[in-house]
N, C-alpha and C. Protein backbone atom coordinates (compact mmCIF):
# COMPACT_ATOMS: atom_id res chain seq x y z
N MET A 1 37.16 95.17 -67.89
CA MET A 1 38.89 95.00 -69.20
C MET A 1 39.73 95.29 -67.93
N MET A 2 39.60 95.91 -66.17
CA MET A 2 40.43 95.41 -65.24
C MET A 2 40.63 94.73 -64.89
N ARG A 3 39.10 94.02 -64.82
CA ARG A 3 38.95 92.51 -63.78
C ARG A 3 40.07 91.76 -63.91
N ASP A 4 40.74 91.84 -65.74
CA ASP A 4 41.44 90.31 -65.87
C ASP A 4 42.86 91.05 -65.53
N GLU A 5 42.93 92.17 -65.64
CA GLU A 5 44.84 92.89 -65.02
C GLU A 5 45.60 92.19 -63.64
N ASN A 6 43.75 91.75 -62.45
CA ASN A 6 44.06 92.14 -61.70
C ASN A 6 45.31 90.94 -60.71
N GLY A 7 45.22 89.98 -61.65
CA GLY A 7 45.99 88.50 -61.09
C GLY A 7 47.00 88.78 -62.28
N ALA A 8 47.70 89.69 -62.55
CA ALA A 8 48.97 89.66 -63.54
C ALA A 8 49.75 89.42 -62.61
N ALA A 9 50.00 90.07 -61.46
CA ALA A 9 51.29 90.47 -60.82
C ALA A 9 51.65 89.27 -60.42
N TYR A 10 51.64 88.52 -59.67
CA TYR A 10 51.20 87.25 -59.61
C TYR A 10 52.61 86.20 -60.11
N PRO A 11 52.33 86.26 -61.48
CA PRO A 11 53.29 85.08 -62.64
C PRO A 11 54.66 86.29 -63.22
N VAL A 12 54.38 87.38 -63.00
CA VAL A 12 55.54 88.24 -63.19
C VAL A 12 55.96 88.47 -62.01
N VAL A 13 56.16 88.52 -60.62
CA VAL A 13 56.99 88.11 -59.15
C VAL A 13 57.94 87.34 -59.40
N LEU A 14 56.84 85.98 -60.15
CA LEU A 14 57.10 84.71 -59.99
C LEU A 14 58.42 84.20 -60.97
N ILE A 15 57.93 84.56 -61.58
CA ILE A 15 59.41 85.09 -62.87
C ILE A 15 60.32 85.58 -62.65
N VAL A 16 60.37 86.71 -62.24
CA VAL A 16 61.34 87.42 -61.16
C VAL A 16 62.08 87.16 -60.17
N ALA A 17 61.26 86.37 -59.47
CA ALA A 17 61.58 85.31 -58.38
C ALA A 17 62.64 84.35 -58.95
N VAL A 18 62.21 83.71 -60.27
CA VAL A 18 62.71 82.05 -59.58
C VAL A 18 64.25 83.07 -60.72
N LEU A 19 64.46 84.04 -62.08
CA LEU A 19 65.12 84.28 -62.44
C LEU A 19 66.11 84.67 -61.62
N SER A 20 65.66 85.60 -60.89
CA SER A 20 66.62 86.26 -59.68
C SER A 20 67.64 84.80 -59.04
N LEU A 21 66.56 83.89 -58.51
CA LEU A 21 67.10 82.69 -57.32
C LEU A 21 68.21 82.10 -58.14
N PHE A 22 68.30 82.34 -60.23
CA PHE A 22 68.82 81.62 -60.88
C PHE A 22 69.90 82.27 -61.04
N VAL A 23 69.94 83.45 -60.78
CA VAL A 23 71.19 84.41 -60.71
C VAL A 23 72.60 84.40 -59.63
N ILE A 24 71.70 84.01 -58.63
CA ILE A 24 72.86 83.53 -57.54
C ILE A 24 73.07 82.62 -57.42
N PHE A 25 72.14 81.99 -57.74
CA PHE A 25 73.49 80.44 -57.69
C PHE A 25 74.29 80.54 -58.99
N GLU A 26 74.38 80.76 -60.05
CA GLU A 26 75.18 80.99 -61.17
C GLU A 26 76.02 81.68 -60.25
N VAL A 27 76.15 82.38 -59.93
CA VAL A 27 77.26 83.78 -59.21
C VAL A 27 77.88 82.80 -58.13
N THR A 28 76.92 82.20 -57.52
CA THR A 28 77.72 81.43 -56.38
C THR A 28 78.55 80.03 -56.53
N GLN A 29 78.06 79.41 -57.77
CA GLN A 29 78.74 78.86 -57.95
C GLN A 29 80.08 78.98 -59.05
N ILE A 30 80.45 79.88 -59.79
CA ILE A 30 80.71 80.22 -60.19
C ILE A 30 81.90 80.67 -59.19
N TYR A 31 81.81 81.58 -58.43
CA TYR A 31 82.77 81.96 -56.61
C TYR A 31 83.24 80.77 -56.02
N ILE A 32 82.63 79.67 -56.08
CA ILE A 32 82.87 78.44 -55.59
C ILE A 32 84.41 78.16 -56.14
N SER A 33 83.98 77.33 -57.81
CA SER A 33 84.59 77.08 -58.88
C SER A 33 86.52 78.33 -59.02
N GLU A 34 86.08 79.43 -58.75
CA GLU A 34 87.30 79.85 -58.79
C GLU A 34 88.04 79.66 -57.03
N ILE A 35 87.41 79.83 -56.04
CA ILE A 35 88.03 79.38 -54.44
C ILE A 35 89.02 78.27 -54.92
N GLY A 36 88.27 77.57 -55.50
CA GLY A 36 88.55 76.55 -55.71
C GLY A 36 89.53 76.35 -56.07
N PHE A 37 89.63 77.04 -57.76
CA PHE A 37 90.96 76.71 -58.29
C PHE A 37 92.16 77.21 -58.20
N VAL A 38 92.26 78.86 -56.84
CA VAL A 38 92.92 79.39 -56.70
C VAL A 38 93.43 78.20 -55.27
N THR A 39 92.81 77.34 -54.85
CA THR A 39 93.15 77.12 -53.61
C THR A 39 94.21 75.45 -54.26
N GLU A 40 93.51 75.05 -55.05
CA GLU A 40 94.47 73.95 -55.92
C GLU A 40 96.20 74.80 -56.00
N MET A 41 95.85 75.70 -56.95
CA MET A 41 97.20 76.44 -57.29
C MET A 41 98.30 76.69 -56.08
N LYS A 42 97.38 77.14 -55.32
CA LYS A 42 98.13 77.65 -54.18
C LYS A 42 98.84 76.11 -53.93
N ASP A 43 98.12 74.95 -53.62
CA ASP A 43 98.58 74.14 -53.10
C ASP A 43 99.96 73.63 -53.94
N TYR A 44 99.82 73.51 -55.08
CA TYR A 44 100.79 72.51 -55.79
C TYR A 44 101.55 73.35 -55.58
N TYR A 45 101.70 74.78 -55.53
CA TYR A 45 103.36 75.64 -55.61
C TYR A 45 103.32 75.67 -54.14
N GLU A 46 102.92 75.71 -53.44
CA GLU A 46 103.34 74.99 -52.17
C GLU A 46 104.19 73.80 -52.07
N LYS A 47 103.54 72.83 -53.17
CA LYS A 47 104.72 71.46 -53.10
C LYS A 47 105.76 72.08 -53.78
N ARG A 48 105.68 72.37 -54.77
CA ARG A 48 106.29 72.72 -56.46
C ARG A 48 107.97 73.25 -55.14
N ILE A 49 107.35 74.69 -53.89
CA ILE A 49 108.59 74.99 -53.51
C ILE A 49 109.33 74.55 -52.97
N ILE A 50 108.41 73.04 -51.94
CA ILE A 50 109.14 72.53 -51.10
C ILE A 50 109.77 71.64 -51.66
N GLN A 51 109.64 70.94 -52.70
CA GLN A 51 110.34 69.91 -53.68
C GLN A 51 111.61 70.64 -53.99
N LEU A 52 110.99 71.79 -54.86
CA LEU A 52 112.95 72.54 -55.29
C LEU A 52 113.23 72.99 -53.85
N LEU A 53 113.42 73.79 -52.34
CA LEU A 53 114.33 73.87 -51.60
C LEU A 53 114.80 72.16 -51.45
N LYS A 54 113.78 71.15 -51.49
CA LYS A 54 114.25 69.63 -51.32
C LYS A 54 115.80 69.89 -52.00
N ASN A 55 115.85 69.87 -52.90
CA ASN A 55 116.56 69.39 -54.29
C ASN A 55 117.63 70.10 -54.07
N ALA A 56 117.66 71.52 -53.36
CA ALA A 56 118.44 72.55 -53.65
C ALA A 56 120.05 72.20 -51.67
N ILE A 57 118.50 71.68 -50.85
CA ILE A 57 119.39 71.25 -50.50
C ILE A 57 120.30 70.35 -50.38
N ILE A 58 119.88 69.11 -51.29
CA ILE A 58 120.30 67.70 -51.28
C ILE A 58 121.01 67.78 -52.36
N GLU A 59 121.57 68.92 -53.56
CA GLU A 59 122.68 69.32 -54.20
C GLU A 59 123.93 70.47 -53.22
N ASN A 60 123.83 70.78 -52.47
CA ASN A 60 124.62 71.61 -51.98
C ASN A 60 125.05 70.58 -50.28
């Protein structure tokens, strides 16, 4: 009876390892997309501020 359970650890470890790698991959992708969004918004608002300042200088 114990003889059949000796190889049961490998599939469990393999499943846990694959799930762990999947979670790490997903967290990394979320982080990268958030950084991209923040960078995009920062660039947009910097351009918008420069445009507003140019318009204010032209009007005065």
